[in-house]
Amino acid sequence: MQTRELGKSGLQVSAIGLGCMGVSYGYGPATDIQEAVALIRQAFERGVTFFDTAEAYGPYRNEELLGEALAPFRSEVVIATKFGFNFDANGGQSGMNSRPEQIRAVADQALKRLKTDVIDLFYQHRVDPDVPIEEVAGTVKALISEGKVRHFGLSEASVRTIRRAHAVQPVTALQSEYSLWWREPEQDILPTLEELGIGFVPFSPLGKGFLTGAISETTTFDSKDFRNIVPRFSKEARKANQALVDLLAVIAADKKATSAQVALAWLLAQKPWIVPIPGTTKLHRLEENIRAAEVELTAEDLHKIENALATIKVEGDRYPAHLQARVNR
């Protein structure tokens, strides 16, 4: 596996990381713990050194299983986790919370769940409108000086927020959605990250599975799968967006690759400091995703993709309204 540096931070990670959310949360029933632990260890054996989790995934369960899975080779991997929410007695999110005392409490709890003495990359999961970002950055800066955290990250943050935070504590990475069917970061985010020397970690790089070609208008999701409430996954939107999947399949066939591999290779080709974190619960999908790092898209390939994408209009919002409100603008 090739490695990449997140911005100019010095933090080296595998070119493709593993988003671990889906084994515990979001896409239906949680994967059996031992099966999840085995999958994570198999990812490491195949060269993945960058693992992404959060207290919100479960909540807490995902950090716990990641801590168990990575314990045998903790010093050889980079673990990213996140803070920023309150949870009710049933484990549901009950509002944002990035107050300094909450950040500190989450850090201490995450260290225990992850079975480690330091968090490699600590993201604010969503920007809290009630807490100045300078306070957030200052709190993480203190945690870094205390040796509990190594690097500071933001997620779904605006350019203004990124600049304000970076002025207090250098931001190592921004994690936001970016893929062939969500390209908004190209407008303002990517130029700002390049200027400031900040890495970019795209989540949902495969369009929550849609870009793999494995989902069609007739696909049904588990009752606990959050895609049931995502407008872009309505039956009508999936039918309309099939044109993008068909395009990917043609390009993939020409490159002797899969659609998922082309989608990931496209991201890798955008900037050398971009590190996507596709998630999966299946070993064959994990191996497929990892091999995307070997797919080389030429300038001509990228030009063809760009021209083809210009003819396709993606239908449907990426979040329902109540979740879209959490995205910092």
C-alpha atoms as a PDB file:
ATOM      1  CA  MET A   1       0.000   0.000   0.000  1.00  0.00           C
ATOM      2  CA  GLN A   2       1.281   3.460  -0.898  1.00  0.00           C
ATOM      3  CA  THR A   3       1.360   6.092   1.840  1.00  0.00           C
ATOM      4  CA  ARG A   4       0.355   9.729   1.810  1.00  0.00           C
ATOM      5  CA  GLU A   5       0.946  12.719   4.065  1.00  0.00           C
ATOM      6  CA  LEU A   6      -2.124  14.554   5.303  1.00  0.00           C
ATOM      7  CA  GLY A   7      -1.345  18.081   4.183  1.00  0.00           C
ATOM      8  CA  LYS A   8       1.941  19.331   5.586  1.00  0.00           C
ATOM      9  CA  SER A   9       1.367  17.850   9.015  1.00  0.00           C
ATOM     10  CA  GLY A  10       3.931  15.064   8.813  1.00  0.00           C
ATOM     11  CA  LEU A  11       1.171  12.532   9.525  1.00  0.00           C
ATOM     12  CA  GLN A  12       1.746   9.604   7.153  1.00  0.00           C
ATOM     13  CA  VAL A  13      -1.111   7.185   6.472  1.00  0.00           C
ATOM     14  CA  SER A  14      -2.031   4.525   3.920  1.00  0.00           C
ATOM     15  CA  ALA A  15      -3.339   6.020   0.673  1.00  0.00           C
ATOM     16  CA  ILE A  16      -6.686   4.408   1.400  1.00  0.00           C
ATOM     17  CA  GLY A  17      -7.996   4.199   4.941  1.00  0.00           C
ATOM     18  CA  LEU A  18     -10.861   2.230   6.466  1.00  0.00           C
ATOM     19  CA  GLY A  19     -14.029   3.937   7.619  1.00  0.00           C
ATOM     20  CA  CYS A  20     -15.233   1.703  10.428  1.00  0.00           C
ATOM     21  CA  MET A  21     -18.676   3.216  11.096  1.00  0.00           C
ATOM     22  CA  GLY A  22     -20.633   0.701   9.063  1.00  0.00           C
ATOM     23  CA  VAL A  23     -19.654  -2.331  11.114  1.00  0.00           C
ATOM     24  CA  SER A  24     -21.508  -0.877  14.107  1.00  0.00           C
ATOM     25  CA  TYR A  25     -23.879   1.810  12.950  1.00  0.00           C
ATOM     26  CA  GLY A  26     -25.858   3.350  10.128  1.00  0.00           C
ATOM     27  CA  TYR A  27     -26.266   0.535   7.610  1.00  0.00           C
ATOM     28  CA  GLY A  28     -28.466  -1.945   9.425  1.00  0.00           C
ATOM     29  CA  PRO A  29     -27.680  -4.433  12.223  1.00  0.00           C
ATOM     30  CA  ALA A  30     -24.201  -4.248  13.724  1.00  0.00           C
ATOM     31  CA  THR A  31     -21.689  -6.815  12.506  1.00  0.00           C
ATOM     32  CA  ASP A  32     -20.748  -9.550  14.969  1.00  0.00           C
ATOM     33  CA  ILE A  33     -17.926  -8.134  17.102  1.00  0.00           C
ATOM     34  CA  GLN A  34     -15.438 -10.898  16.378  1.00  0.00           C
ATOM     35  CA  GLU A  35     -16.189 -10.720  12.643  1.00  0.00           C
ATOM     36  CA  ALA A  36     -15.636  -6.958  12.770  1.00  0.00           C
ATOM     37  CA  VAL A  37     -12.372  -7.363  14.679  1.00  0.00           C
ATOM     38  CA  ALA A  38     -11.205  -9.927  12.111  1.00  0.00           C
ATOM     39  CA  LEU A  39     -12.059  -7.604   9.210  1.00  0.00           C
ATOM     40  CA  ILE A  40     -10.134  -4.703  10.744  1.00  0.00           C
ATOM     41  CA  ARG A  41      -7.100  -6.904  11.337  1.00  0.00           C
ATOM     42  CA  GLN A  42      -7.309  -8.176   7.758  1.00  0.00           C
ATOM     43  CA  ALA A  43      -7.266  -4.565   6.585  1.00  0.00           C
ATOM     44  CA  PHE A  44      -4.034  -3.992   8.497  1.00  0.00           C
ATOM     45  CA  GLU A  45      -2.514  -7.173   7.077  1.00  0.00           C
ATOM     46  CA  ARG A  46      -3.242  -5.802   3.606  1.00  0.00           C
ATOM     47  CA  GLY A  47      -1.528  -2.486   4.232  1.00  0.00           C
ATOM     48  CA  VAL A  48      -4.185  -0.209   5.690  1.00  0.00           C
ATOM     49  CA  THR A  49      -2.763   1.932   8.505  1.00  0.00           C
ATOM     50  CA  PHE A  50      -5.482   4.594   8.815  1.00  0.00           C
ATOM     51  CA  PHE A  51      -8.649   3.721  10.742  1.00  0.00           C
ATOM     52  CA  ASP A  52     -11.589   6.050  11.330  1.00  0.00           C
ATOM     53  CA  THR A  53     -14.122   5.811  14.139  1.00  0.00           C
ATOM     54  CA  ALA A  54     -16.165   8.063  16.456  1.00  0.00           C
ATOM     55  CA  GLU A  55     -17.901   7.956  19.810  1.00  0.00           C
ATOM     56  CA  ALA A  56     -21.170   8.472  17.913  1.00  0.00           C
ATOM     57  CA  TYR A  57     -20.910   5.172  16.065  1.00  0.00           C
ATOM     58  CA  GLY A  58     -22.966   2.942  18.275  1.00  0.00           C
ATOM     59  CA  PRO A  59     -22.513   5.047  20.315  1.00  0.00           C
ATOM     60  CA  TYR A  60     -19.198   3.890  21.782  1.00  0.00           C
ATOM     61  CA  ARG A  61     -19.278   0.316  20.382  1.00  0.00           C
ATOM     62  CA  ASN A  62     -17.202   1.169  17.337  1.00  0.00           C
ATOM     63  CA  GLU A  63     -14.361   2.649  19.383  1.00  0.00           C
ATOM     64  CA  GLU A  64     -14.387  -0.382  21.664  1.00  0.00           C
ATOM     65  CA  LEU A  65     -14.103  -2.931  18.864  1.00  0.00           C
ATOM     66  CA  LEU A  66     -11.459  -0.847  17.084  1.00  0.00           C
ATOM     67  CA  GLY A  67      -9.438  -0.721  20.294  1.00  0.00           C
ATOM     68  CA  GLU A  68      -9.613  -4.502  20.579  1.00  0.00           C
ATOM     69  CA  ALA A  69      -8.818  -5.084  16.912  1.00  0.00           C
ATOM     70  CA  LEU A  70      -5.805  -2.773  16.729  1.00  0.00           C
ATOM     71  CA  ALA A  71      -4.266  -3.508  20.125  1.00  0.00           C
ATOM     72  CA  PRO A  72      -1.694  -6.033  18.770  1.00  0.00           C
ATOM     73  CA  PHE A  73      -0.189  -3.463  16.398  1.00  0.00           C
ATOM     74  CA  ARG A  74      -1.260  -0.143  17.910  1.00  0.00           C
ATOM     75  CA  SER A  75       2.096   1.550  17.283  1.00  0.00           C
ATOM     76  CA  GLU A  76       1.889   0.789  13.552  1.00  0.00           C
ATOM     77  CA  VAL A  77      -1.463   2.448  12.829  1.00  0.00           C
ATOM     78  CA  VAL A  78      -3.138   5.851  12.926  1.00  0.00           C
ATOM     79  CA  ILE A  79      -6.481   6.035  14.729  1.00  0.00           C
ATOM     80  CA  ALA A  80      -8.886   8.909  14.139  1.00  0.00           C
ATOM     81  CA  THR A  81     -11.910   9.466  16.355  1.00  0.00           C
ATOM     82  CA  LYS A  82     -14.333  12.311  16.989  1.00  0.00           C
ATOM     83  CA  PHE A  83     -16.153  14.387  19.601  1.00  0.00           C
ATOM     84  CA  GLY A  84     -19.102  16.750  19.413  1.00  0.00           C
ATOM     85  CA  PHE A  85     -22.424  15.230  20.511  1.00  0.00           C
ATOM     86  CA  ASN A  86     -24.539  14.506  23.553  1.00  0.00           C
ATOM     87  CA  PHE A  87     -26.349  11.173  23.811  1.00  0.00           C
ATOM     88  CA  ASP A  88     -29.587  10.270  25.575  1.00  0.00           C
ATOM     89  CA  ALA A  89     -30.205   7.219  27.740  1.00  0.00           C
ATOM     90  CA  ASN A  90     -31.079   5.146  24.673  1.00  0.00           C
ATOM     91  CA  GLY A  91     -27.881   6.050  22.858  1.00  0.00           C
ATOM     92  CA  GLY A  92     -29.495   8.508  20.476  1.00  0.00           C
ATOM     93  CA  GLN A  93     -27.859  11.819  19.656  1.00  0.00           C
ATOM     94  CA  SER A  94     -29.420  14.623  21.690  1.00  0.00           C
ATOM     95  CA  GLY A  95     -27.703  17.687  20.319  1.00  0.00           C
ATOM     96  CA  MET A  96     -24.237  18.997  19.663  1.00  0.00           C
ATOM     97  CA  ASN A  97     -21.753  19.592  22.456  1.00  0.00           C
ATOM     98  CA  SER A  98     -18.232  20.870  21.882  1.00  0.00           C
ATOM     99  CA  ARG A  99     -17.788  22.673  25.170  1.00  0.00           C
ATOM    100  CA  PRO A 100     -14.214  22.380  26.472  1.00  0.00           C
ATOM    101  CA  GLU A 101     -15.171  20.158  29.416  1.00  0.00           C
ATOM    102  CA  GLN A 102     -17.058  17.836  27.067  1.00  0.00           C
ATOM    103  CA  ILE A 103     -14.117  17.581  24.664  1.00  0.00           C
ATOM    104  CA  ARG A 104     -11.832  16.646  27.548  1.00  0.00           C
ATOM    105  CA  ALA A 105     -14.286  14.065  28.884  1.00  0.00           C
ATOM    106  CA  VAL A 106     -14.707  12.480  25.451  1.00  0.00           C
ATOM    107  CA  ALA A 107     -10.936  12.326  24.964  1.00  0.00           C
ATOM    108  CA  ASP A 108     -10.422  10.525  28.271  1.00  0.00           C
ATOM    109  CA  GLN A 109     -13.236   8.061  27.561  1.00  0.00           C
ATOM    110  CA  ALA A 110     -12.020   7.428  23.995  1.00  0.00           C
ATOM    111  CA  LEU A 111      -8.505   6.661  25.214  1.00  0.00           C
ATOM    112  CA  LYS A 112      -9.914   3.912  27.423  1.00  0.00           C
ATOM    113  CA  ARG A 113     -12.207   2.468  24.750  1.00  0.00           C
ATOM    114  CA  LEU A 114      -9.427   2.527  22.155  1.00  0.00           C
ATOM    115  CA  LYS A 115      -6.967   0.907  24.594  1.00  0.00           C
ATOM    116  CA  THR A 116      -4.350   3.554  23.875  1.00  0.00           C
ATOM    117  CA  ASP A 117      -2.526   6.421  25.550  1.00  0.00           C
ATOM    118  CA  VAL A 118      -2.872   8.859  22.651  1.00  0.00           C
ATOM    119  CA  ILE A 119      -5.439   9.698  19.951  1.00  0.00           C
ATOM    120  CA  ASP A 120      -3.621  10.216  16.663  1.00  0.00           C
ATOM    121  CA  LEU A 121      -6.270  12.451  15.057  1.00  0.00           C
ATOM    122  CA  PHE A 122      -9.118  14.030  17.035  1.00  0.00           C
ATOM    123  CA  TYR A 123     -11.880  15.544  14.911  1.00  0.00           C
ATOM    124  CA  GLN A 124     -14.714  17.830  15.870  1.00  0.00           C
ATOM    125  CA  HIS A 125     -17.509  15.708  14.375  1.00  0.00           C
ATOM    126  CA  ARG A 126     -19.737  18.650  13.487  1.00  0.00           C
ATOM    127  CA  VAL A 127     -19.233  22.356  14.102  1.00  0.00           C
ATOM    128  CA  ASP A 128     -21.126  23.456  17.221  1.00  0.00           C
ATOM    129  CA  PRO A 129     -22.795  26.852  16.633  1.00  0.00           C
ATOM    130  CA  ASP A 130     -22.945  27.478  20.384  1.00  0.00           C
ATOM    131  CA  VAL A 131     -19.199  27.155  21.038  1.00  0.00           C
ATOM    132  CA  PRO A 132     -16.654  29.467  19.357  1.00  0.00           C
ATOM    133  CA  ILE A 133     -14.318  27.397  17.209  1.00  0.00           C
ATOM    134  CA  GLU A 134     -11.389  29.156  18.882  1.00  0.00           C
ATOM    135  CA  GLU A 135     -12.394  27.516  22.181  1.00  0.00           C
ATOM    136  CA  VAL A 136     -12.600  24.137  20.504  1.00  0.00           C
ATOM    137  CA  ALA A 137      -9.201  24.526  18.848  1.00  0.00           C
ATOM    138  CA  GLY A 138      -7.680  25.815  22.070  1.00  0.00           C
ATOM    139  CA  THR A 139      -8.956  22.823  24.025  1.00  0.00           C
ATOM    140  CA  VAL A 140      -7.532  20.354  21.522  1.00  0.00           C
ATOM    141  CA  LYS A 141      -4.281  22.338  21.520  1.00  0.00           C
ATOM    142  CA  ALA A 142      -4.077  21.805  25.283  1.00  0.00           C
ATOM    143  CA  LEU A 143      -4.780  18.078  24.858  1.00  0.00           C
ATOM    144  CA  ILE A 144      -1.945  17.917  22.328  1.00  0.00           C
ATOM    145  CA  SER A 145       0.433  19.622  24.741  1.00  0.00           C
ATOM    146  CA  GLU A 146      -0.610  17.127  27.417  1.00  0.00           C
ATOM    147  CA  GLY A 147       0.191  14.195  25.126  1.00  0.00           C
ATOM    148  CA  LYS A 148      -3.366  12.864  24.900  1.00  0.00           C
ATOM    149  CA  VAL A 149      -3.845  13.876  21.246  1.00  0.00           C
ATOM    150  CA  ARG A 150      -1.408  14.205  18.347  1.00  0.00           C
ATOM    151  CA  HIS A 151      -3.392  16.007  15.631  1.00  0.00           C
ATOM    152  CA  PHE A 152      -6.526  18.168  15.324  1.00  0.00           C
ATOM    153  CA  GLY A 153      -9.201  17.684  12.670  1.00  0.00           C
ATOM    154  CA  LEU A 154     -12.528  19.164  11.611  1.00  0.00           C
ATOM    155  CA  SER A 155     -15.482  17.613   9.800  1.00  0.00           C
ATOM    156  CA  GLU A 156     -17.968  19.288   7.451  1.00  0.00           C
ATOM    157  CA  ALA A 157     -16.546  22.705   8.371  1.00  0.00           C
ATOM    158  CA  SER A 158     -16.753  25.856   6.269  1.00  0.00           C
ATOM    159  CA  VAL A 159     -13.765  27.788   4.955  1.00  0.00           C
ATOM    160  CA  ARG A 160     -14.291  30.514   7.559  1.00  0.00           C
ATOM    161  CA  THR A 161     -14.377  27.975  10.394  1.00  0.00           C
ATOM    162  CA  ILE A 162     -11.299  26.196   9.088  1.00  0.00           C
ATOM    163  CA  ARG A 163      -9.311  29.440   8.966  1.00  0.00           C
ATOM    164  CA  ARG A 164     -10.369  30.512  12.469  1.00  0.00           C
ATOM    165  CA  ALA A 165      -9.505  27.111  13.958  1.00  0.00           C
ATOM    166  CA  HIS A 166      -6.207  26.846  12.077  1.00  0.00           C
ATOM    167  CA  ALA A 167      -5.091  30.192  13.503  1.00  0.00           C
ATOM    168  CA  VAL A 168      -5.303  28.746  17.024  1.00  0.00           C
ATOM    169  CA  GLN A 169      -4.166  25.154  16.433  1.00  0.00           C
ATOM    170  CA  PRO A 170      -3.006  23.911  13.027  1.00  0.00           C
ATOM    171  CA  VAL A 171      -5.639  21.667  11.499  1.00  0.00           C
ATOM    172  CA  THR A 172      -4.148  18.435  10.166  1.00  0.00           C
ATOM    173  CA  ALA A 173      -7.158  17.178   8.233  1.00  0.00           C
ATOM    174  CA  LEU A 174     -10.684  18.024   7.200  1.00  0.00           C
ATOM    175  CA  GLN A 175     -13.114  15.133   6.863  1.00  0.00           C
ATOM    176  CA  SER A 176     -16.097  15.853   4.648  1.00  0.00           C
ATOM    177  CA  GLU A 177     -18.104  14.101   1.984  1.00  0.00           C
ATOM    178  CA  TYR A 178     -16.497  14.108  -1.464  1.00  0.00           C
ATOM    179  CA  SER A 179     -17.006  11.773  -4.400  1.00  0.00           C
ATOM    180  CA  LEU A 180     -17.941  11.650  -8.047  1.00  0.00           C
ATOM    181  CA  TRP A 181     -21.520  12.474  -7.060  1.00  0.00           C
ATOM    182  CA  TRP A 182     -20.788  15.146  -4.433  1.00  0.00           C
ATOM    183  CA  ARG A 183     -18.189  17.630  -5.660  1.00  0.00           C
ATOM    184  CA  GLU A 184     -19.051  20.751  -3.683  1.00  0.00           C
ATOM    185  CA  PRO A 185     -15.668  20.752  -1.848  1.00  0.00           C
ATOM    186  CA  GLU A 186     -13.950  21.628  -5.125  1.00  0.00           C
ATOM    187  CA  GLN A 187     -15.434  25.124  -5.070  1.00  0.00           C
ATOM    188  CA  ASP A 188     -13.825  26.638  -1.963  1.00  0.00           C
ATOM    189  CA  ILE A 189     -12.698  23.876   0.382  1.00  0.00           C
ATOM    190  CA  LEU A 190      -9.934  22.234  -1.661  1.00  0.00           C
ATOM    191  CA  PRO A 191      -8.196  25.532  -2.573  1.00  0.00           C
ATOM    192  CA  THR A 192      -8.238  26.575   1.096  1.00  0.00           C
ATOM    193  CA  LEU A 193      -6.839  23.257   2.286  1.00  0.00           C
ATOM    194  CA  GLU A 194      -4.055  23.460  -0.295  1.00  0.00           C
ATOM    195  CA  GLU A 195      -3.209  27.007   0.771  1.00  0.00           C
ATOM    196  CA  LEU A 196      -3.059  26.088   4.463  1.00  0.00           C
ATOM    197  CA  GLY A 197      -1.374  22.696   4.062  1.00  0.00           C
ATOM    198  CA  ILE A 198      -4.314  20.693   5.428  1.00  0.00           C
ATOM    199  CA  GLY A 199      -5.107  17.139   4.348  1.00  0.00           C
ATOM    200  CA  PHE A 200      -8.512  16.023   3.132  1.00  0.00           C
ATOM    201  CA  VAL A 201     -10.237  12.789   4.168  1.00  0.00           C
ATOM    202  CA  PRO A 202     -13.346  12.142   2.056  1.00  0.00           C
ATOM    203  CA  PHE A 203     -16.031  10.089   3.727  1.00  0.00           C
ATOM    204  CA  SER A 204     -18.641   8.269   1.619  1.00  0.00           C
ATOM    205  CA  PRO A 205     -16.159   8.186  -1.296  1.00  0.00           C
ATOM    206  CA  LEU A 206     -18.341   5.531  -2.946  1.00  0.00           C
ATOM    207  CA  GLY A 207     -21.554   7.494  -2.542  1.00  0.00           C
ATOM    208  CA  LYS A 208     -22.731   5.370   0.387  1.00  0.00           C
ATOM    209  CA  GLY A 209     -22.414   2.339  -1.860  1.00  0.00           C
ATOM    210  CA  PHE A 210     -24.246   3.695  -4.895  1.00  0.00           C
ATOM    211  CA  LEU A 211     -21.143   4.229  -7.015  1.00  0.00           C
ATOM    212  CA  THR A 212     -20.197   0.549  -6.729  1.00  0.00           C
ATOM    213  CA  GLY A 213     -23.051  -0.410  -9.052  1.00  0.00           C
ATOM    214  CA  ALA A 214     -24.458  -2.800  -6.446  1.00  0.00           C
ATOM    215  CA  ILE A 215     -27.511  -0.606  -5.741  1.00  0.00           C
ATOM    216  CA  SER A 216     -30.377   0.007  -8.157  1.00  0.00           C
ATOM    217  CA  GLU A 217     -33.874   1.471  -8.019  1.00  0.00           C
ATOM    218  CA  THR A 218     -35.201  -1.937  -6.907  1.00  0.00           C
ATOM    219  CA  THR A 219     -32.783  -2.343  -3.980  1.00  0.00           C
ATOM    220  CA  THR A 220     -34.373  -2.493  -0.526  1.00  0.00           C
ATOM    221  CA  PHE A 221     -32.507  -1.500   2.622  1.00  0.00           C
ATOM    222  CA  ASP A 222     -32.693  -2.870   6.156  1.00  0.00           C
ATOM    223  CA  SER A 223     -35.147  -0.971   8.352  1.00  0.00           C
ATOM    224  CA  LYS A 224     -32.203   0.377  10.397  1.00  0.00           C
ATOM    225  CA  ASP A 225     -30.299   1.607   7.336  1.00  0.00           C
ATOM    226  CA  PHE A 226     -30.163   5.402   7.349  1.00  0.00           C
ATOM    227  CA  ARG A 227     -30.227   5.502   3.549  1.00  0.00           C
ATOM    228  CA  ASN A 228     -33.985   4.969   3.879  1.00  0.00           C
ATOM    229  CA  ILE A 229     -34.309   8.659   4.831  1.00  0.00           C
ATOM    230  CA  VAL A 230     -31.719  10.077   2.427  1.00  0.00           C
ATOM    231  CA  PRO A 231     -33.396  11.903  -0.501  1.00  0.00           C
ATOM    232  CA  ARG A 232     -30.639  10.836  -2.897  1.00  0.00           C
ATOM    233  CA  PHE A 233     -31.597   7.208  -2.176  1.00  0.00           C
ATOM    234  CA  SER A 234     -35.284   7.547  -2.960  1.00  0.00           C
ATOM    235  CA  LYS A 235     -36.399   5.129  -5.655  1.00  0.00           C
ATOM    236  CA  GLU A 236     -36.865   7.987  -8.119  1.00  0.00           C
ATOM    237  CA  ALA A 237     -33.432   9.477  -7.433  1.00  0.00           C
ATOM    238  CA  ARG A 238     -31.720   6.105  -7.761  1.00  0.00           C
ATOM    239  CA  LYS A 239     -33.378   5.579 -11.127  1.00  0.00           C
ATOM    240  CA  ALA A 240     -32.319   9.040 -12.301  1.00  0.00           C
ATOM    241  CA  ASN A 241     -28.757   8.614 -11.005  1.00  0.00           C
ATOM    242  CA  GLN A 242     -28.230   5.277 -12.723  1.00  0.00           C
ATOM    243  CA  ALA A 243     -26.629   7.216 -15.590  1.00  0.00           C
ATOM    244  CA  LEU A 244     -23.633   7.974 -13.366  1.00  0.00           C
ATOM    245  CA  VAL A 245     -23.237   4.314 -12.430  1.00  0.00           C
ATOM    246  CA  ASP A 246     -23.471   3.299 -16.087  1.00  0.00           C
ATOM    247  CA  LEU A 247     -20.729   5.794 -16.962  1.00  0.00           C
ATOM    248  CA  LEU A 248     -18.460   4.418 -14.255  1.00  0.00           C
ATOM    249  CA  ALA A 249     -19.001   0.875 -15.490  1.00  0.00           C
ATOM    250  CA  VAL A 250     -17.867   1.811 -19.008  1.00  0.00           C
ATOM    251  CA  ILE A 251     -14.709   3.527 -17.720  1.00  0.00           C
ATOM    252  CA  ALA A 252     -13.985   0.654 -15.338  1.00  0.00           C
ATOM    253  CA  ALA A 253     -14.246  -1.926 -18.085  1.00  0.00           C
ATOM    254  CA  ASP A 254     -11.735   0.041 -20.146  1.00  0.00           C
ATOM    255  CA  LYS A 255      -9.298   0.151 -17.199  1.00  0.00           C
ATOM    256  CA  LYS A 256      -9.902  -3.519 -16.312  1.00  0.00           C
ATOM    257  CA  ALA A 257     -11.053  -2.376 -12.887  1.00  0.00           C
ATOM    258  CA  THR A 258     -14.336  -2.162 -10.983  1.00  0.00           C
ATOM    259  CA  SER A 259     -16.570   0.878 -10.702  1.00  0.00           C
ATOM    260  CA  ALA A 260     -15.636   1.268  -7.046  1.00  0.00           C
ATOM    261  CA  GLN A 261     -11.938   1.206  -7.885  1.00  0.00           C
ATOM    262  CA  VAL A 262     -12.337   3.918 -10.524  1.00  0.00           C
ATOM    263  CA  ALA A 263     -14.338   6.081  -8.105  1.00  0.00           C
ATOM    264  CA  LEU A 264     -11.585   5.787  -5.495  1.00  0.00           C
ATOM    265  CA  ALA A 265      -8.773   6.213  -8.031  1.00  0.00           C
ATOM    266  CA  TRP A 266     -10.465   9.397  -9.242  1.00  0.00           C
ATOM    267  CA  LEU A 267     -10.327  10.813  -5.716  1.00  0.00           C
ATOM    268  CA  LEU A 268      -6.680   9.838  -5.300  1.00  0.00           C
ATOM    269  CA  ALA A 269      -5.874  11.574  -8.584  1.00  0.00           C
ATOM    270  CA  GLN A 270      -7.330  14.904  -7.480  1.00  0.00           C
ATOM    271  CA  LYS A 271      -4.652  15.819  -4.913  1.00  0.00           C
ATOM    272  CA  PRO A 272      -1.727  13.938  -3.321  1.00  0.00           C
ATOM    273  CA  TRP A 273      -2.986  14.877   0.150  1.00  0.00           C
ATOM    274  CA  ILE A 274      -6.437  13.315  -0.268  1.00  0.00           C
ATOM    275  CA  VAL A 275      -7.023  10.019   1.593  1.00  0.00           C
ATOM    276  CA  PRO A 276     -10.468   8.425   1.144  1.00  0.00           C
ATOM    277  CA  ILE A 277     -11.893   6.150   3.832  1.00  0.00           C
ATOM    278  CA  PRO A 278     -14.340   3.704   2.231  1.00  0.00           C
ATOM    279  CA  GLY A 279     -16.113   1.414   4.636  1.00  0.00           C
ATOM    280  CA  THR A 280     -17.311  -2.156   4.272  1.00  0.00           C
ATOM    281  CA  THR A 281     -18.271  -5.228   6.261  1.00  0.00           C
ATOM    282  CA  LYS A 282     -17.110  -7.689   3.590  1.00  0.00           C
ATOM    283  CA  LEU A 283     -13.565  -8.937   3.001  1.00  0.00           C
ATOM    284  CA  HIS A 284     -13.887  -9.085  -0.793  1.00  0.00           C
ATOM    285  CA  ARG A 285     -15.044  -5.461  -0.860  1.00  0.00           C
ATOM    286  CA  LEU A 286     -12.169  -4.477   1.411  1.00  0.00           C
ATOM    287  CA  GLU A 287      -9.697  -6.094  -0.949  1.00  0.00           C
ATOM    288  CA  GLU A 288     -11.375  -4.478  -3.952  1.00  0.00           C
ATOM    289  CA  ASN A 289     -11.150  -1.039  -2.357  1.00  0.00           C
ATOM    290  CA  ILE A 290      -7.512  -1.473  -1.381  1.00  0.00           C
ATOM    291  CA  ARG A 291      -6.583  -2.415  -4.944  1.00  0.00           C
ATOM    292  CA  ALA A 292      -7.968   0.925  -6.128  1.00  0.00           C
ATOM    293  CA  ALA A 293      -4.633   2.437  -5.105  1.00  0.00           C
ATOM    294  CA  GLU A 294      -3.072   0.473  -7.987  1.00  0.00           C
ATOM    295  CA  VAL A 295      -5.437   1.926 -10.606  1.00  0.00           C
ATOM    296  CA  GLU A 296      -3.741   4.756 -12.486  1.00  0.00           C
ATOM    297  CA  LEU A 297      -5.958   7.257 -14.257  1.00  0.00           C
ATOM    298  CA  THR A 298      -4.127   9.213 -16.950  1.00  0.00           C
ATOM    299  CA  ALA A 299      -4.744  12.865 -17.731  1.00  0.00           C
ATOM    300  CA  GLU A 300      -6.766  11.659 -20.707  1.00  0.00           C
ATOM    301  CA  ASP A 301      -8.839   9.367 -18.469  1.00  0.00           C
ATOM    302  CA  LEU A 302      -9.562  12.217 -16.076  1.00  0.00           C
ATOM    303  CA  HIS A 303     -10.482  14.510 -18.963  1.00  0.00           C
ATOM    304  CA  LYS A 304     -12.937  11.937 -20.325  1.00  0.00           C
ATOM    305  CA  ILE A 305     -14.508  11.490 -16.887  1.00  0.00           C
ATOM    306  CA  GLU A 306     -14.837  15.248 -16.448  1.00  0.00           C
ATOM    307  CA  ASN A 307     -16.497  15.692 -19.830  1.00  0.00           C
ATOM    308  CA  ALA A 308     -18.871  12.817 -19.203  1.00  0.00           C
ATOM    309  CA  LEU A 309     -19.801  14.046 -15.724  1.00  0.00           C
ATOM    310  CA  ALA A 310     -20.686  17.436 -17.174  1.00  0.00           C
ATOM    311  CA  THR A 311     -23.581  15.776 -18.994  1.00  0.00           C
ATOM    312  CA  ILE A 312     -25.030  14.146 -15.869  1.00  0.00           C
ATOM    313  CA  LYS A 313     -27.139  15.906 -13.235  1.00  0.00           C
ATOM    314  CA  VAL A 314     -27.202  14.071  -9.906  1.00  0.00           C
ATOM    315  CA  GLU A 315     -30.662  14.062  -8.359  1.00  0.00           C
ATOM    316  CA  GLY A 316     -31.598  14.256  -4.678  1.00  0.00           C
ATOM    317  CA  ASP A 317     -30.166  15.965  -1.595  1.00  0.00           C
ATOM    318  CA  ARG A 318     -27.390  14.117   0.219  1.00  0.00           C
ATOM    319  CA  TYR A 319     -29.049  14.575   3.646  1.00  0.00           C
ATOM    320  CA  PRO A 320     -32.597  14.966   4.912  1.00  0.00           C
ATOM    321  CA  ALA A 321     -33.305  18.524   6.082  1.00  0.00           C
ATOM    322  CA  HIS A 322     -32.749  17.889   9.820  1.00  0.00           C
ATOM    323  CA  LEU A 323     -29.241  16.518   9.181  1.00  0.00           C
ATOM    324  CA  GLN A 324     -28.351  19.066   6.518  1.00  0.00           C
ATOM    325  CA  ALA A 325     -28.811  21.748   9.177  1.00  0.00           C
ATOM    326  CA  ARG A 326     -25.767  20.365  11.001  1.00  0.00           C
ATOM    327  CA  VAL A 327     -23.423  21.073   8.104  1.00  0.00           C
ATOM    328  CA  ASN A 328     -21.363  24.194   8.799  1.00  0.00           C
ATOM    329  CA  ARG A 329     -21.637  26.801   6.059  1.00  0.00           C
END
